[in-house]
Structures are given as structure tokens and as C-alpha cells.
Amino acid sequence: MGVLLTVSYNGANYCGWQDQRNGKSVQEALSKAVGSALAIDSEFTMLGASRTDAGVHALGQRAHVITKRPVKVLVEKIPLVLNNDLPDDIRVTAATFVPDNFHPINNTISKTYRYTICNTRYNNPIMRNYSSHIRIPLDVSKMASATKHIIGEHDFAAFCSSGSIVKSTIRTVYTLDINQNADMVEITISGNGFLYNMVRIIAGTLVNVGIGKIVPDDVKAIIESLDRTRAGKTMPPQGLTLLEIFYG
């Protein structure tokens, strides 16, 4: 039996989604709730659809729970039952049964992330855990112009942090939008998959365009170079939110 959970969390107090020795993870907290609240103890495995890093947030993370023991809670009641056992910075917002051959990573069609930047002279203390801070005024129109070079299928090796082990660095970006609301700049990106730190590096490269360090058309050459050193810096994790994961 498999249950697919939709999970939202504030990542500020966690070492990331996946269990690690150096701190508490979202997966650890959720696993404890699943084991106790659903009365299946250790008779289950859990696989997340995306390995969000320390400090990264989520509104639409997916967790696939596989158990040999029957879940005795009505599926529509699972979020309520789990939320009673979860810390208040993690919430299960939906649950559904999925077939035995379902895989939360392999069956993914697309993912959508949002990166938020506070573009003010002084950082907004209320938003410090949910955005990064750039004090130099950003030219959002130039940033938007640069997105045309990123959209589509490319080898995104220049936008992948070292230490990543993947068979291919080719990915497809479906949409990439930049919106400004007062002092907040939001970069929303959707694609068939993302490399390690890819969204945060894309955001850092677009920031370089916004502050005039590079021009929009330089982004095309950066992608073609496959050279990580030519792209922008990896932006801080707290500005990143996993919005949604889509399945067929």
C-alpha cells in the first residue's frame, strides 16, 4: 500500500528534507508522526520527491509512504491525524492512495520553485527567513530579458554545484517568470527537473544581470560554456520555496 502526502514546511529549523547526522530533518519529524499517528510503527518506508537543503521551505513537497500494514485511518483524515503529531512548522495538506508501482521521483512531470529577494537598502527583518537580501537596486526588466536564454532544453552544467552525481546535466525549463511587488522580487521557475542548487545559481546569475555585472545576452554564453565559475553565486537557501510537484 502506498500513500502520497503533500507536505508544507518552514525549513529554517531543519538541516533539510533528508535524514542527516548533523541535525534534525523534516523527514525525521514526519516519519515519527507517520509511525505513531497512523499506528504502523516501523513497518513503512518513506521517500521524498525532492531533497530540499537546510533552510529551504516547501509548500508542495511530496512524501511517498509505503507500508505492508494497512492504514486504518480514512485517507481524507490522514492530514488532520498527522498534523496533531507534527511540530507547528510542518503540515501535511493532502493525502491520497497511489498504486504499488508509483515512484515520487521517477513519475514526476515537473516541479515549480520560487526564489524571493528583498531588494532594499536595509534588510526586512520580518522576511529574513523567507528571502535573501540584495541592497543594490535590481533592473527587473533586464533580468526578465535574460530568461529567454534559460527557458528550453539545455545542458545546465554551469548551473550545478560541485559534488552532484547525475547521469546527465541536461534539463528542460518550461517557464521562468520574474515579478516585482514593492521591494520583493520573485523568480518563479518550472521544469522537468533541477540539478543540485540549480535554481539558486540561476537566481544568482539573474541577480548579476539585475545589478549590471553582466548583460542579458551573456547568459546564453554562460550556459554554452558549461563552466560553473562563469555563472552567478549560489544564492542563500532561505529565499527558496518548493511550490509544487506535478504528476501525470
Foldseek 3Di string as FASTA:
>chain_A
DKKKWWKWFQQAQAQWADDDPPGHHVVVQLVVLCCPLQVQNPQKDKDKQDTAGRLATERGIMIMIDGPDDRPDDQQCVQVSSVVRGPPRMGTDHMDGDDPPDDSHVQFQKWKKKFKEQADLDDDVVCVSAHHYDPQAFPVVQLQLLCVLVAAWAQQLLQADPPFDDPGSIWHKHDWDWDDDPRMIMIMTMTRDHHHLNVQQSVQQSRCCGNVVDGSVVSNVSRVVSHNVVTGDRTDNSRMYTYHIDGD
